[in-house]
Amino acid sequence: IDRPYDKIVFRDLPNTMVEIEQTLEHSQISQLYLVLQHDKSIYFEGIPSNSLFKKCYKALINKKETDLIKEGMLLCE
């Protein structure tokens, strides 16, 4: 690249951290953008219905503690 850039866009990530480090090694960037492709995005699915929210809230409020590592997927279902 003949001239410096202050912004970089990764359309897909390199395969290893070493490749990322080598790519950014001589860069003086102020912003880094990632454009990643995925099959399903919950971002666009909207807010859950009132009944679903109530069920989730009830499940959480009735327990004193919730272990998200063990019970996170159950809560998602």
Protein backbone atom coordinates (compact mmCIF):
# COMPACT_ATOMS: atom_id res chain seq x y z
CA ILE A 1 0.00 0.00 0.00
CA ASP A 2 1.55 3.25 -1.11
CA ARG A 3 -0.04 5.60 1.39
CA PRO A 4 -1.09 5.34 5.04
CA TYR A 5 -4.68 4.76 6.08
CA ASP A 6 -6.27 5.52 9.43
CA LYS A 7 -9.19 3.10 8.97
CA ILE A 8 -9.10 -0.60 8.09
CA VAL A 9 -12.00 -2.89 7.22
CA PHE A 10 -11.64 -6.66 7.64
CA ARG A 11 -14.28 -8.32 5.50
CA ASP A 12 -13.33 -11.68 6.98
CA LEU A 13 -10.82 -12.38 9.69
CA PRO A 14 -7.44 -13.90 8.95
CA ASN A 15 -7.02 -17.52 10.06
CA THR A 16 -4.61 -16.87 12.93
CA MET A 17 -3.72 -14.17 15.44
CA VAL A 18 -0.23 -14.07 13.90
CA GLU A 19 -1.74 -13.08 10.55
CA ILE A 20 -3.75 -10.32 12.24
CA GLU A 21 -0.65 -9.06 14.04
CA GLN A 22 1.35 -9.08 10.80
CA THR A 23 -1.42 -7.22 9.00
CA LEU A 24 -1.63 -4.50 11.66
CA GLU A 25 2.08 -4.42 12.58
CA HIS A 26 3.01 -1.33 10.54
CA SER A 27 -0.40 0.33 10.59
CA GLN A 28 -1.23 3.52 12.44
CA ILE A 29 -5.01 3.13 12.49
CA SER A 30 -7.63 4.95 14.51
CA GLN A 31 -10.55 2.69 13.56
CA LEU A 32 -10.89 -0.98 12.74
CA TYR A 33 -14.12 -2.38 11.29
CA LEU A 34 -15.11 -6.05 11.14
CA VAL A 35 -17.65 -7.27 8.59
CA LEU A 36 -18.53 -10.83 9.54
CA GLN A 37 -21.04 -13.12 7.87
CA HIS A 38 -23.32 -15.32 9.93
CA ASP A 39 -26.31 -17.53 9.27
CA LYS A 40 -28.68 -16.09 11.84
CA SER A 41 -28.81 -12.80 13.67
CA ILE A 42 -30.96 -12.33 16.75
CA TYR A 43 -30.45 -8.58 16.42
CA PHE A 44 -33.12 -8.35 13.72
CA GLU A 45 -35.62 -10.70 15.35
CA GLY A 46 -37.02 -7.92 17.50
CA ILE A 47 -38.21 -7.73 21.08
CA PRO A 48 -39.66 -10.91 22.58
CA SER A 49 -43.39 -11.13 23.18
CA ASN A 50 -44.76 -10.15 26.59
CA SER A 51 -45.49 -13.77 27.50
CA LEU A 52 -41.97 -14.92 26.59
CA PHE A 53 -40.42 -12.03 28.53
CA LYS A 54 -42.57 -12.87 31.58
CA LYS A 55 -41.48 -16.53 31.45
CA CYS A 56 -37.80 -15.61 31.28
CA TYR A 57 -38.12 -12.98 34.00
CA LYS A 58 -40.00 -15.42 36.25
CA ALA A 59 -37.34 -18.09 35.72
CA LEU A 60 -34.60 -15.66 36.73
CA ILE A 61 -36.37 -13.91 39.62
CA ASN A 62 -37.46 -17.16 41.33
CA LYS A 63 -33.87 -18.40 41.55
CA LYS A 64 -31.41 -16.82 43.94
CA GLU A 65 -28.50 -17.55 41.61
CA THR A 66 -28.24 -18.54 37.96
CA ASP A 67 -25.17 -20.26 36.55
CA LEU A 68 -25.16 -19.09 32.94
CA ILE A 69 -22.48 -21.58 31.99
CA LYS A 70 -24.62 -24.53 33.09
CA GLU A 71 -28.11 -23.11 32.60
CA GLY A 72 -27.67 -20.50 29.87
CA MET A 73 -28.80 -22.69 26.98
CA LEU A 74 -31.83 -23.88 28.96
CA LEU A 75 -32.82 -20.27 29.53
CA CYS A 76 -32.37 -19.55 25.82
CA GLU A 77 -34.79 -22.32 24.96
